[in-house]
Amino acid sequence: MPLIKVQTSTSAPQKSETETLLKNLSAKLSKHLGKPESYVMTAFESEIPMTFAGTSDPVCYIEIKSVGTMKPEQTQAMSQDFCQQINQSLGVPKNRIYIEFADAKGAMWGWNGSTFG
């Protein structure tokens, strides 16, 4: 049910580093949202042509979606945590990272042949 999707203009790290990044993001998202990690999905796309502030310097866009309502204190903490993680892992400056937080209604999120609503 929770999803964190990372899209970046940077090259992908080695496969093992990418896997470690995704596992870290999964564990952190589970903790931030208080939801079982067994429902968390992660995705990573690299080398996407992107610009920010009119330049093609390294940039990153992150989507975080979850069934239910994320509170402002949760999104603030996640922004700080995930910007730091992406900066350390991919070298993207924090001021070149956008994060979109999206709440989803249970009926609008399918899984295992059904929905969560």
PDB file of N, CA and C in Angstrom:
ATOM      1  N   MET A   1       0.822  -1.196   0.000  1.00  0.00           N
ATOM      2  CA  MET A   1       0.000   0.000   0.000  1.00  0.00           C
ATOM      3  C   MET A   1       0.860   1.250   0.000  1.00  0.00           C
ATOM      4  N   PRO A   2       1.850   1.422   0.861  1.00  0.00           N
ATOM      5  CA  PRO A   2       2.736   2.576   0.655  1.00  0.00           C
ATOM      6  C   PRO A   2       3.692   2.328  -0.510  1.00  0.00           C
ATOM      7  N   LEU A   3       3.966   3.397  -1.240  1.00  0.00           N
ATOM      8  CA  LEU A   3       4.885   3.349  -2.373  1.00  0.00           C
ATOM      9  C   LEU A   3       5.839   4.519  -2.281  1.00  0.00           C
ATOM     10  N   ILE A   4       7.116   4.253  -2.527  1.00  0.00           N
ATOM     11  CA  ILE A   4       8.085   5.325  -2.717  1.00  0.00           C
ATOM     12  C   ILE A   4       8.782   5.062  -4.046  1.00  0.00           C
ATOM     13  N   LYS A   5       8.675   6.037  -4.944  1.00  0.00           N
ATOM     14  CA  LYS A   5       9.239   5.936  -6.287  1.00  0.00           C
ATOM     15  C   LYS A   5      10.234   7.074  -6.470  1.00  0.00           C
ATOM     16  N   VAL A   6      11.452   6.714  -6.838  1.00  0.00           N
ATOM     17  CA  VAL A   6      12.530   7.681  -7.023  1.00  0.00           C
ATOM     18  C   VAL A   6      12.868   7.757  -8.506  1.00  0.00           C
ATOM     19  N   GLN A   7      12.813   8.964  -9.048  1.00  0.00           N
ATOM     20  CA  GLN A   7      13.235   9.208 -10.423  1.00  0.00           C
ATOM     21  C   GLN A   7      14.355  10.240 -10.374  1.00  0.00           C
ATOM     22  N   THR A   8      15.440   9.954 -11.070  1.00  0.00           N
ATOM     23  CA  THR A   8      16.585  10.853 -11.018  1.00  0.00           C
ATOM     24  C   THR A   8      17.277  10.959 -12.369  1.00  0.00           C
ATOM     25  N   SER A   9      17.958  12.066 -12.548  1.00  0.00           N
ATOM     26  CA  SER A   9      18.740  12.273 -13.768  1.00  0.00           C
ATOM     27  C   SER A   9      20.114  11.633 -13.662  1.00  0.00           C
ATOM     28  N   THR A  10      20.497  11.233 -12.455  1.00  0.00           N
ATOM     29  CA  THR A  10      21.833  10.677 -12.249  1.00  0.00           C
ATOM     30  C   THR A  10      21.918   9.235 -12.748  1.00  0.00           C
ATOM     31  N   SER A  11      23.135   8.771 -12.944  1.00  0.00           N
ATOM     32  CA  SER A  11      23.361   7.381 -13.304  1.00  0.00           C
ATOM     33  C   SER A  11      23.037   6.493 -12.109  1.00  0.00           C
ATOM     34  N   ALA A  12      22.618   5.291 -12.387  1.00  0.00           N
ATOM     35  CA  ALA A  12      22.318   4.346 -11.312  1.00  0.00           C
ATOM     36  C   ALA A  12      23.608   3.897 -10.637  1.00  0.00           C
ATOM     37  N   PRO A  13      23.570   3.781  -9.326  1.00  0.00           N
ATOM     38  CA  PRO A  13      24.728   3.175  -8.659  1.00  0.00           C
ATOM     39  C   PRO A  13      24.801   1.692  -9.057  1.00  0.00           C
ATOM     40  N   GLN A  14      25.820   1.020  -8.599  1.00  0.00           N
ATOM     41  CA  GLN A  14      25.930  -0.408  -8.877  1.00  0.00           C
ATOM     42  C   GLN A  14      24.689  -1.115  -8.329  1.00  0.00           C
ATOM     43  N   LYS A  15      24.381  -2.274  -8.905  1.00  0.00           N
ATOM     44  CA  LYS A  15      23.156  -3.000  -8.564  1.00  0.00           C
ATOM     45  C   LYS A  15      23.022  -3.217  -7.053  1.00  0.00           C
ATOM     46  N   SER A  16      24.092  -3.604  -6.398  1.00  0.00           N
ATOM     47  CA  SER A  16      24.023  -3.865  -4.957  1.00  0.00           C
ATOM     48  C   SER A  16      23.733  -2.579  -4.171  1.00  0.00           C
ATOM     49  N   GLU A  17      24.279  -1.455  -4.614  1.00  0.00           N
ATOM     50  CA  GLU A  17      24.020  -0.177  -3.948  1.00  0.00           C
ATOM     51  C   GLU A  17      22.582   0.268  -4.171  1.00  0.00           C
ATOM     52  N   THR A  18      22.052   0.032  -5.365  1.00  0.00           N
ATOM     53  CA  THR A  18      20.661   0.374  -5.651  1.00  0.00           C
ATOM     54  C   THR A  18      19.734  -0.468  -4.785  1.00  0.00           C
ATOM     55  N   GLU A  19      20.036  -1.750  -4.671  1.00  0.00           N
ATOM     56  CA  GLU A  19      19.225  -2.647  -3.840  1.00  0.00           C
ATOM     57  C   GLU A  19      19.265  -2.207  -2.380  1.00  0.00           C
ATOM     58  N   THR A  20      20.433  -1.824  -1.893  1.00  0.00           N
ATOM     59  CA  THR A  20      20.558  -1.343  -0.517  1.00  0.00           C
ATOM     60  C   THR A  20      19.752  -0.067  -0.320  1.00  0.00           C
ATOM     61  N   LEU A  21      19.818   0.855  -1.282  1.00  0.00           N
ATOM     62  CA  LEU A  21      19.044   2.092  -1.208  1.00  0.00           C
ATOM     63  C   LEU A  21      17.552   1.780  -1.118  1.00  0.00           C
ATOM     64  N   LEU A  22      17.063   0.907  -2.000  1.00  0.00           N
ATOM     65  CA  LEU A  22      15.634   0.576  -2.002  1.00  0.00           C
ATOM     66  C   LEU A  22      15.206  -0.090  -0.698  1.00  0.00           C
ATOM     67  N   LYS A  23      16.026  -0.958  -0.164  1.00  0.00           N
ATOM     68  CA  LYS A  23      15.701  -1.608   1.112  1.00  0.00           C
ATOM     69  C   LYS A  23      15.666  -0.594   2.247  1.00  0.00           C
ATOM     70  N   ASN A  24      16.602   0.358   2.245  1.00  0.00           N
ATOM     71  CA  ASN A  24      16.607   1.409   3.268  1.00  0.00           C
ATOM     72  C   ASN A  24      15.368   2.284   3.157  1.00  0.00           C
ATOM     73  N   LEU A  25      15.012   2.664   1.932  1.00  0.00           N
ATOM     74  CA  LEU A  25      13.821   3.486   1.729  1.00  0.00           C
ATOM     75  C   LEU A  25      12.565   2.740   2.180  1.00  0.00           C
ATOM     76  N   SER A  26      12.504   1.453   1.902  1.00  0.00           N
ATOM     77  CA  SER A  26      11.361   0.637   2.300  1.00  0.00           C
ATOM     78  C   SER A  26      11.206   0.604   3.819  1.00  0.00           C
ATOM     79  N   ALA A  27      12.287   0.337   4.509  1.00  0.00           N
ATOM     80  CA  ALA A  27      12.247   0.265   5.975  1.00  0.00           C
ATOM     81  C   ALA A  27      11.873   1.620   6.574  1.00  0.00           C
ATOM     82  N   LYS A  28      12.449   2.685   6.021  1.00  0.00           N
ATOM     83  CA  LYS A  28      12.157   4.023   6.544  1.00  0.00           C
ATOM     84  C   LYS A  28      10.707   4.420   6.298  1.00  0.00           C
ATOM     85  N   LEU A  29      10.177   4.112   5.110  1.00  0.00           N
ATOM     86  CA  LEU A  29       8.796   4.467   4.813  1.00  0.00           C
ATOM     87  C   LEU A  29       7.842   3.714   5.739  1.00  0.00           C
ATOM     88  N   SER A  30       8.108   2.452   5.956  1.00  0.00           N
ATOM     89  CA  SER A  30       7.303   1.653   6.875  1.00  0.00           C
ATOM     90  C   SER A  30       7.284   2.284   8.265  1.00  0.00           C
ATOM     91  N   LYS A  31       8.442   2.679   8.731  1.00  0.00           N
ATOM     92  CA  LYS A  31       8.549   3.276  10.067  1.00  0.00           C
ATOM     93  C   LYS A  31       7.832   4.626  10.128  1.00  0.00           C
ATOM     94  N   HIS A  32       8.045   5.472   9.138  1.00  0.00           N
ATOM     95  CA  HIS A  32       7.411   6.796   9.136  1.00  0.00           C
ATOM     96  C   HIS A  32       5.887   6.694   9.130  1.00  0.00           C
ATOM     97  N   LEU A  33       5.355   5.731   8.379  1.00  0.00           N
ATOM     98  CA  LEU A  33       3.908   5.620   8.245  1.00  0.00           C
ATOM     99  C   LEU A  33       3.277   4.669   9.258  1.00  0.00           C
ATOM    100  N   GLY A  34       4.104   3.917   9.958  1.00  0.00           N
ATOM    101  CA  GLY A  34       3.573   2.968  10.932  1.00  0.00           C
ATOM    102  C   GLY A  34       2.809   1.835  10.273  1.00  0.00           C
ATOM    103  N   LYS A  35       3.237   1.446   9.074  1.00  0.00           N
ATOM    104  CA  LYS A  35       2.580   0.371   8.339  1.00  0.00           C
ATOM    105  C   LYS A  35       3.569  -0.770   8.124  1.00  0.00           C
ATOM    106  N   PRO A  36       3.069  -2.004   8.016  1.00  0.00           N
ATOM    107  CA  PRO A  36       3.972  -3.150   7.843  1.00  0.00           C
ATOM    108  C   PRO A  36       4.796  -3.024   6.561  1.00  0.00           C
ATOM    109  N   GLU A  37       6.080  -3.325   6.676  1.00  0.00           N
ATOM    110  CA  GLU A  37       6.949  -3.251   5.502  1.00  0.00           C
ATOM    111  C   GLU A  37       6.538  -4.275   4.442  1.00  0.00           C
ATOM    112  N   SER A  38       5.806  -5.302   4.852  1.00  0.00           N
ATOM    113  CA  SER A  38       5.365  -6.316   3.888  1.00  0.00           C
ATOM    114  C   SER A  38       4.435  -5.734   2.823  1.00  0.00           C
ATOM    115  N   TYR A  39       3.912  -4.521   3.032  1.00  0.00           N
ATOM    116  CA  TYR A  39       3.054  -3.863   2.043  1.00  0.00           C
ATOM    117  C   TYR A  39       3.779  -2.758   1.263  1.00  0.00           C
ATOM    118  N   VAL A  40       4.999  -2.419   1.648  1.00  0.00           N
ATOM    119  CA  VAL A  40       5.718  -1.293   1.036  1.00  0.00           C
ATOM    120  C   VAL A  40       6.338  -1.710  -0.300  1.00  0.00           C
ATOM    121  N   MET A  41       6.156  -0.847  -1.310  1.00  0.00           N
ATOM    122  CA  MET A  41       6.786  -1.057  -2.615  1.00  0.00           C
ATOM    123  C   MET A  41       7.752   0.095  -2.879  1.00  0.00           C
ATOM    124  N   THR A  42       8.895  -0.218  -3.471  1.00  0.00           N
ATOM    125  CA  THR A  42       9.865   0.796  -3.855  1.00  0.00           C
ATOM    126  C   THR A  42      10.135   0.685  -5.351  1.00  0.00           C
ATOM    127  N   ALA A  43      10.485   1.799  -5.959  1.00  0.00           N
ATOM    128  CA  ALA A  43      10.850   1.808  -7.378  1.00  0.00           C
ATOM    129  C   ALA A  43      11.956   2.834  -7.580  1.00  0.00           C
ATOM    130  N   PHE A  44      12.831   2.551  -8.541  1.00  0.00           N
ATOM    131  CA  PHE A  44      13.959   3.442  -8.817  1.00  0.00           C
ATOM    132  C   PHE A  44      14.172   3.524 -10.327  1.00  0.00           C
ATOM    133  N   GLU A  45      14.189   4.743 -10.845  1.00  0.00           N
ATOM    134  CA  GLU A  45      14.467   4.982 -12.262  1.00  0.00           C
ATOM    135  C   GLU A  45      15.593   6.004 -12.356  1.00  0.00           C
ATOM    136  N   SER A  46      16.619   5.667 -13.102  1.00  0.00           N
ATOM    137  CA  SER A  46      17.770   6.559 -13.228  1.00  0.00           C
ATOM    138  C   SER A  46      17.926   7.031 -14.667  1.00  0.00           C
ATOM    139  N   GLU A  47      18.814   7.990 -14.839  1.00  0.00           N
ATOM    140  CA  GLU A  47      19.178   8.538 -16.153  1.00  0.00           C
ATOM    141  C   GLU A  47      17.960   9.041 -16.934  1.00  0.00           C
ATOM    142  N   ILE A  48      17.027   9.639 -16.210  1.00  0.00           N
ATOM    143  CA  ILE A  48      15.855  10.237 -16.842  1.00  0.00           C
ATOM    144  C   ILE A  48      16.212  11.671 -17.222  1.00  0.00           C
ATOM    145  N   PRO A  49      15.969  12.061 -18.466  1.00  0.00           N
ATOM    146  CA  PRO A  49      16.222  13.461 -18.827  1.00  0.00           C
ATOM    147  C   PRO A  49      15.315  14.371 -18.001  1.00  0.00           C
ATOM    148  N   MET A  50      15.917  15.229 -17.205  1.00  0.00           N
ATOM    149  CA  MET A  50      15.172  16.114 -16.313  1.00  0.00           C
ATOM    150  C   MET A  50      15.888  17.451 -16.205  1.00  0.00           C
ATOM    151  N   THR A  51      15.133  18.490 -15.913  1.00  0.00           N
ATOM    152  CA  THR A  51      15.724  19.783 -15.567  1.00  0.00           C
ATOM    153  C   THR A  51      15.068  20.281 -14.296  1.00  0.00           C
ATOM    154  N   PHE A  52      15.753  21.184 -13.631  1.00  0.00           N
ATOM    155  CA  PHE A  52      15.224  21.869 -12.454  1.00  0.00           C
ATOM    156  C   PHE A  52      15.897  23.228 -12.426  1.00  0.00           C
ATOM    157  N   ALA A  53      15.116  24.266 -12.221  1.00  0.00           N
ATOM    158  CA  ALA A  53      15.644  25.636 -12.206  1.00  0.00           C
ATOM    159  C   ALA A  53      16.379  25.969 -13.508  1.00  0.00           C
ATOM    160  N   GLY A  54      15.929  25.359 -14.596  1.00  0.00           N
ATOM    161  CA  GLY A  54      16.488  25.666 -15.905  1.00  0.00           C
ATOM    162  C   GLY A  54      17.811  25.014 -16.222  1.00  0.00           C
ATOM    163  N   THR A  55      18.259  24.069 -15.357  1.00  0.00           N
ATOM    164  CA  THR A  55      19.527  23.388 -15.643  1.00  0.00           C
ATOM    165  C   THR A  55      19.324  21.874 -15.615  1.00  0.00           C
ATOM    166  N   SER A  56      20.253  21.176 -16.201  1.00  0.00           N
ATOM    167  CA  SER A  56      20.209  19.711 -16.183  1.00  0.00           C
ATOM    168  C   SER A  56      21.192  19.141 -15.159  1.00  0.00           C
ATOM    169  N   ASP A  57      21.583  19.951 -14.179  1.00  0.00           N
ATOM    170  CA  ASP A  57      22.405  19.445 -13.070  1.00  0.00           C
ATOM    171  C   ASP A  57      21.629  18.316 -12.383  1.00  0.00           C
ATOM    172  N   PRO A  58      22.314  17.457 -11.602  1.00  0.00           N
ATOM    173  CA  PRO A  58      21.618  16.343 -10.956  1.00  0.00           C
ATOM    174  C   PRO A  58      20.343  16.783 -10.226  1.00  0.00           C
ATOM    175  N   VAL A  59      19.286  15.994 -10.442  1.00  0.00           N
ATOM    176  CA  VAL A  59      17.975  16.320  -9.890  1.00  0.00           C
ATOM    177  C   VAL A  59      17.249  15.016  -9.553  1.00  0.00           C
ATOM    178  N   CYS A  60      16.275  15.108  -8.654  1.00  0.00           N
ATOM    179  CA  CYS A  60      15.533  13.928  -8.248  1.00  0.00           C
ATOM    180  C   CYS A  60      14.087  14.308  -7.940  1.00  0.00           C
ATOM    181  N   TYR A  61      13.171  13.429  -8.341  1.00  0.00           N
ATOM    182  CA  TYR A  61      11.749  13.573  -8.035  1.00  0.00           C
ATOM    183  C   TYR A  61      11.314  12.294  -7.340  1.00  0.00           C
ATOM    184  N   ILE A  62      10.661  12.445  -6.188  1.00  0.00           N
ATOM    185  CA  ILE A  62      10.230  11.306  -5.390  1.00  0.00           C
ATOM    186  C   ILE A  62       8.717  11.372  -5.207  1.00  0.00           C
ATOM    187  N   GLU A  63       8.050  10.246  -5.411  1.00  0.00           N
ATOM    188  CA  GLU A  63       6.623  10.139  -5.125  1.00  0.00           C
ATOM    189  C   GLU A  63       6.448   9.226  -3.921  1.00  0.00           C
ATOM    190  N   ILE A  64       5.649   9.679  -2.965  1.00  0.00           N
ATOM    191  CA  ILE A  64       5.297   8.856  -1.817  1.00  0.00           C
ATOM    192  C   ILE A  64       3.777   8.815  -1.751  1.00  0.00           C
ATOM    193  N   LYS A  65       3.239   7.604  -1.865  1.00  0.00           N
ATOM    194  CA  LYS A  65       1.792   7.419  -1.848  1.00  0.00           C
ATOM    195  C   LYS A  65       1.439   6.415  -0.767  1.00  0.00           C
ATOM    196  N   SER A  66       0.280   6.635  -0.139  1.00  0.00           N
ATOM    197  CA  SER A  66      -0.153   5.723   0.909  1.00  0.00           C
ATOM    198  C   SER A  66      -1.661   5.807   1.078  1.00  0.00           C
ATOM    199  N   VAL A  67      -2.266   4.680   1.423  1.00  0.00           N
ATOM    200  CA  VAL A  67      -3.685   4.670   1.751  1.00  0.00           C
ATOM    201  C   VAL A  67      -3.851   5.307   3.126  1.00  0.00           C
ATOM    202  N   GLY A  68      -4.756   6.251   3.211  1.00  0.00           N
ATOM    203  CA  GLY A  68      -4.975   6.963   4.467  1.00  0.00           C
ATOM    204  C   GLY A  68      -4.462   8.385   4.366  1.00  0.00           C
ATOM    205  N   THR A  69      -4.364   9.024   5.496  1.00  0.00           N
ATOM    206  CA  THR A  69      -3.961  10.429   5.530  1.00  0.00           C
ATOM    207  C   THR A  69      -2.591  10.576   6.187  1.00  0.00           C
ATOM    208  N   MET A  70      -1.685  11.211   5.473  1.00  0.00           N
ATOM    209  CA  MET A  70      -0.379  11.534   6.049  1.00  0.00           C
ATOM    210  C   MET A  70      -0.496  12.894   6.726  1.00  0.00           C
ATOM    211  N   LYS A  71       0.006  12.970   7.933  1.00  0.00           N
ATOM    212  CA  LYS A  71      -0.058  14.212   8.709  1.00  0.00           C
ATOM    213  C   LYS A  71       1.129  15.103   8.357  1.00  0.00           C
ATOM    214  N   PRO A  72       0.962  16.429   8.514  1.00  0.00           N
ATOM    215  CA  PRO A  72       2.061  17.353   8.192  1.00  0.00           C
ATOM    216  C   PRO A  72       3.371  17.022   8.902  1.00  0.00           C
ATOM    217  N   GLU A  73       3.298  16.586  10.144  1.00  0.00           N
ATOM    218  CA  GLU A  73       4.549  16.256  10.851  1.00  0.00           C
ATOM    219  C   GLU A  73       5.206  15.019  10.240  1.00  0.00           C
ATOM    220  N   GLN A  74       4.402  14.101   9.693  1.00  0.00           N
ATOM    221  CA  GLN A  74       4.966  12.930   9.013  1.00  0.00           C
ATOM    222  C   GLN A  74       5.649  13.338   7.705  1.00  0.00           C
ATOM    223  N   THR A  75       4.979  14.161   6.907  1.00  0.00           N
ATOM    224  CA  THR A  75       5.567  14.552   5.624  1.00  0.00           C
ATOM    225  C   THR A  75       6.823  15.394   5.835  1.00  0.00           C
ATOM    226  N   GLN A  76       6.832  16.226   6.860  1.00  0.00           N
ATOM    227  CA  GLN A  76       8.022  17.024   7.174  1.00  0.00           C
ATOM    228  C   GLN A  76       9.196  16.109   7.527  1.00  0.00           C
ATOM    229  N   ALA A  77       8.938  15.130   8.395  1.00  0.00           N
ATOM    230  CA  ALA A  77       9.998  14.202   8.801  1.00  0.00           C
ATOM    231  C   ALA A  77      10.479  13.355   7.630  1.00  0.00           C
ATOM    232  N   MET A  78       9.539  12.914   6.774  1.00  0.00           N
ATOM    233  CA  MET A  78       9.930  12.122   5.610  1.00  0.00           C
ATOM    234  C   MET A  78      10.738  12.950   4.623  1.00  0.00           C
ATOM    235  N   SER A  79      10.352  14.199   4.421  1.00  0.00           N
ATOM    236  CA  SER A  79      11.101  15.067   3.510  1.00  0.00           C
ATOM    237  C   SER A  79      12.546  15.197   3.966  1.00  0.00           C
ATOM    238  N   GLN A  80      12.719  15.457   5.240  1.00  0.00           N
ATOM    239  CA  GLN A  80      14.070  15.600   5.794  1.00  0.00           C
ATOM    240  C   GLN A  80      14.847  14.290   5.631  1.00  0.00           C
ATOM    241  N   ASP A  81      14.245  13.180   5.998  1.00  0.00           N
ATOM    242  CA  ASP A  81      14.914  11.884   5.980  1.00  0.00           C
ATOM    243  C   ASP A  81      15.261  11.442   4.552  1.00  0.00           C
ATOM    244  N   PHE A  82      14.284  11.515   3.650  1.00  0.00           N
ATOM    245  CA  PHE A  82      14.513  11.016   2.294  1.00  0.00           C
ATOM    246  C   PHE A  82      15.415  11.941   1.474  1.00  0.00           C
ATOM    247  N   CYS A  83      15.339  13.246   1.692  1.00  0.00           N
ATOM    248  CA  CYS A  83      16.277  14.154   1.008  1.00  0.00           C
ATOM    249  C   CYS A  83      17.711  13.851   1.443  1.00  0.00           C
ATOM    250  N   GLN A  84      17.894  13.617   2.732  1.00  0.00           N
ATOM    251  CA  GLN A  84      19.223  13.279   3.255  1.00  0.00           C
ATOM    252  C   GLN A  84      19.714  11.961   2.639  1.00  0.00           C
ATOM    253  N   GLN A  85      18.850  10.963   2.589  1.00  0.00           N
ATOM    254  CA  GLN A  85      19.225   9.662   2.040  1.00  0.00           C
ATOM    255  C   GLN A  85      19.619   9.757   0.565  1.00  0.00           C
ATOM    256  N   ILE A  86      18.828  10.476  -0.224  1.00  0.00           N
ATOM    257  CA  ILE A  86      19.115  10.612  -1.655  1.00  0.00           C
ATOM    258  C   ILE A  86      20.392  11.427  -1.871  1.00  0.00           C
ATOM    259  N   ASN A  87      20.581  12.462  -1.073  1.00  0.00           N
ATOM    260  CA  ASN A  87      21.803  13.247  -1.161  1.00  0.00           C
ATOM    261  C   ASN A  87      23.027  12.376  -0.902  1.00  0.00           C
ATOM    262  N   GLN A  88      22.976  11.568   0.136  1.00  0.00           N
ATOM    263  CA  GLN A  88      24.107  10.707   0.482  1.00  0.00           C
ATOM    264  C   GLN A  88      24.313   9.585  -0.542  1.00  0.00           C
ATOM    265  N   SER A  89      23.217   8.995  -1.010  1.00  0.00           N
ATOM    266  CA  SER A  89      23.317   7.836  -1.898  1.00  0.00           C
ATOM    267  C   SER A  89      23.601   8.197  -3.349  1.00  0.00           C
ATOM    268  N   LEU A  90      23.000   9.299  -3.823  1.00  0.00           N
ATOM    269  CA  LEU A  90      23.105   9.644  -5.240  1.00  0.00           C
ATOM    270  C   LEU A  90      23.854  10.942  -5.509  1.00  0.00           C
ATOM    271  N   GLY A  91      24.123  11.709  -4.458  1.00  0.00           N
ATOM    272  CA  GLY A  91      24.844  12.966  -4.627  1.00  0.00           C
ATOM    273  C   GLY A  91      23.988  14.113  -5.148  1.00  0.00           C
ATOM    274  N   VAL A  92      22.665  13.944  -5.120  1.00  0.00           N
ATOM    275  CA  VAL A  92      21.781  15.024  -5.570  1.00  0.00           C
ATOM    276  C   VAL A  92      21.632  16.019  -4.422  1.00  0.00           C
ATOM    277  N   PRO A  93      21.922  17.307  -4.672  1.00  0.00           N
ATOM    278  CA  PRO A  93      21.752  18.303  -3.611  1.00  0.00           C
ATOM    279  C   PRO A  93      20.302  18.339  -3.124  1.00  0.00           C
ATOM    280  N   LYS A  94      20.114  18.541  -1.826  1.00  0.00           N
ATOM    281  CA  LYS A  94      18.776  18.548  -1.237  1.00  0.00           C
ATOM    282  C   LYS A  94      17.870  19.596  -1.879  1.00  0.00           C
ATOM    283  N   ASN A  95      18.448  20.707  -2.311  1.00  0.00           N
ATOM    284  CA  ASN A  95      17.623  21.763  -2.913  1.00  0.00           C
ATOM    285  C   ASN A  95      17.280  21.481  -4.373  1.00  0.00           C
ATOM    286  N   ARG A  96      17.633  20.273  -4.841  1.00  0.00           N
ATOM    287  CA  ARG A  96      17.258  19.848  -6.201  1.00  0.00           C
ATOM    288  C   ARG A  96      16.442  18.555  -6.144  1.00  0.00           C
ATOM    289  N   ILE A  97      15.747  18.371  -5.034  1.00  0.00           N
ATOM    290  CA  ILE A  97      14.885  17.207  -4.825  1.00  0.00           C
ATOM    291  C   ILE A  97      13.474  17.691  -4.511  1.00  0.00           C
ATOM    292  N   TYR A  98      12.526  17.235  -5.282  1.00  0.00           N
ATOM    293  CA  TYR A  98      11.112  17.465  -4.993  1.00  0.00           C
ATOM    294  C   TYR A  98      10.509  16.145  -4.515  1.00  0.00           C
ATOM    295  N   ILE A  99       9.607  16.239  -3.548  1.00  0.00           N
ATOM    296  CA  ILE A  99       8.870  15.066  -3.074  1.00  0.00           C
ATOM    297  C   ILE A  99       7.382  15.382  -3.157  1.00  0.00           C
ATOM    298  N   GLU A 100       6.646  14.491  -3.787  1.00  0.00           N
ATOM    299  CA  GLU A 100       5.187  14.616  -3.833  1.00  0.00           C
ATOM    300  C   GLU A 100       4.594  13.578  -2.892  1.00  0.00           C
ATOM    301  N   PHE A 101       3.816  14.035  -1.927  1.00  0.00           N
ATOM    302  CA  PHE A 101       3.109  13.150  -1.006  1.00  0.00           C
ATOM    303  C   PHE A 101       1.662  13.065  -1.466  1.00  0.00           C
ATOM    304  N   ALA A 102       1.133  11.860  -1.597  1.00  0.00           N
ATOM    305  CA  ALA A 102      -0.245  11.700  -2.052  1.00  0.00           C
ATOM    306  C   ALA A 102      -0.963  10.663  -1.194  1.00  0.00           C
ATOM    307  N   ASP A 103      -2.072  11.089  -0.601  1.00  0.00           N
ATOM    308  CA  ASP A 103      -2.947  10.176   0.129  1.00  0.00           C
ATOM    309  C   ASP A 103      -3.863   9.490  -0.883  1.00  0.00           C
ATOM    310  N   ALA A 104      -4.159   8.238  -0.654  1.00  0.00           N
ATOM    311  CA  ALA A 104      -5.065   7.500  -1.534  1.00  0.00           C
ATOM    312  C   ALA A 104      -6.210   6.923  -0.715  1.00  0.00           C
ATOM    313  N   LYS A 105      -7.392   6.951  -1.291  1.00  0.00           N
ATOM    314  CA  LYS A 105      -8.537   6.285  -0.672  1.00  0.00           C
ATOM    315  C   LYS A 105      -8.350   4.788  -0.858  1.00  0.00           C
ATOM    316  N   GLY A 106      -8.746   4.011   0.126  1.00  0.00           N
ATOM    317  CA  GLY A 106      -8.576   2.563   0.067  1.00  0.00           C
ATOM    318  C   GLY A 106      -9.186   1.927  -1.162  1.00  0.00           C
ATOM    319  N   ALA A 107     -10.337   2.432  -1.593  1.00  0.00           N
ATOM    320  CA  ALA A 107     -11.005   1.872  -2.760  1.00  0.00           C
ATOM    321  C   ALA A 107     -10.275   2.184  -4.064  1.00  0.00           C
ATOM    322  N   MET A 108      -9.324   3.115  -4.016  1.00  0.00           N
ATOM    323  CA  MET A 108      -8.575   3.508  -5.206  1.00  0.00           C
ATOM    324  C   MET A 108      -7.196   2.854  -5.257  1.00  0.00           C
ATOM    325  N   TRP A 109      -6.964   1.869  -4.409  1.00  0.00           N
ATOM    326  CA  TRP A 109      -5.669   1.197  -4.348  1.00  0.00           C
ATOM    327  C   TRP A 109      -5.926  -0.309  -4.372  1.00  0.00           C
ATOM    328  N   GLY A 110      -5.556  -0.973  -5.461  1.00  0.00           N
ATOM    329  CA  GLY A 110      -5.805  -2.396  -5.601  1.00  0.00           C
ATOM    330  C   GLY A 110      -4.624  -3.237  -5.211  1.00  0.00           C
ATOM    331  N   TRP A 111      -4.933  -4.439  -4.756  1.00  0.00           N
ATOM    332  CA  TRP A 111      -3.900  -5.416  -4.378  1.00  0.00           C
ATOM    333  C   TRP A 111      -4.542  -6.796  -4.256  1.00  0.00           C
ATOM    334  N   ASN A 112      -3.881  -7.801  -4.751  1.00  0.00           N
ATOM    335  CA  ASN A 112      -4.280  -9.175  -4.552  1.00  0.00           C
ATOM    336  C   ASN A 112      -5.716  -9.450  -5.020  1.00  0.00           C
ATOM    337  N   GLY A 113      -6.109  -8.813  -6.131  1.00  0.00           N
ATOM    338  CA  GLY A 113      -7.423  -9.024  -6.692  1.00  0.00           C
ATOM    339  C   GLY A 113      -8.551  -8.294  -6.004  1.00  0.00           C
ATOM    340  N   SER A 114      -8.207  -7.371  -5.106  1.00  0.00           N
ATOM    341  CA  SER A 114      -9.229  -6.602  -4.387  1.00  0.00           C
ATOM    342  C   SER A 114      -8.716  -5.185  -4.211  1.00  0.00           C
ATOM    343  N   THR A 115      -9.304  -4.446  -3.290  1.00  0.00           N
ATOM    344  CA  THR A 115      -8.821  -3.109  -2.927  1.00  0.00           C
ATOM    345  C   THR A 115      -8.733  -3.010  -1.416  1.00  0.00           C
ATOM    346  N   PHE A 116      -8.182  -1.916  -0.939  1.00  0.00           N
ATOM    347  CA  PHE A 116      -8.068  -1.687   0.497  1.00  0.00           C
ATOM    348  C   PHE A 116      -9.278  -0.952   1.075  1.00  0.00           C
ATOM    349  N   GLY A 117     -10.305  -0.729   0.241  1.00  0.00           N
ATOM    350  CA  GLY A 117     -11.464   0.019   0.739  1.00  0.00           C
ATOM    351  C   GLY A 117     -12.764  -0.674   0.491  1.00  0.00           C
TER     352      GLY A 117
END
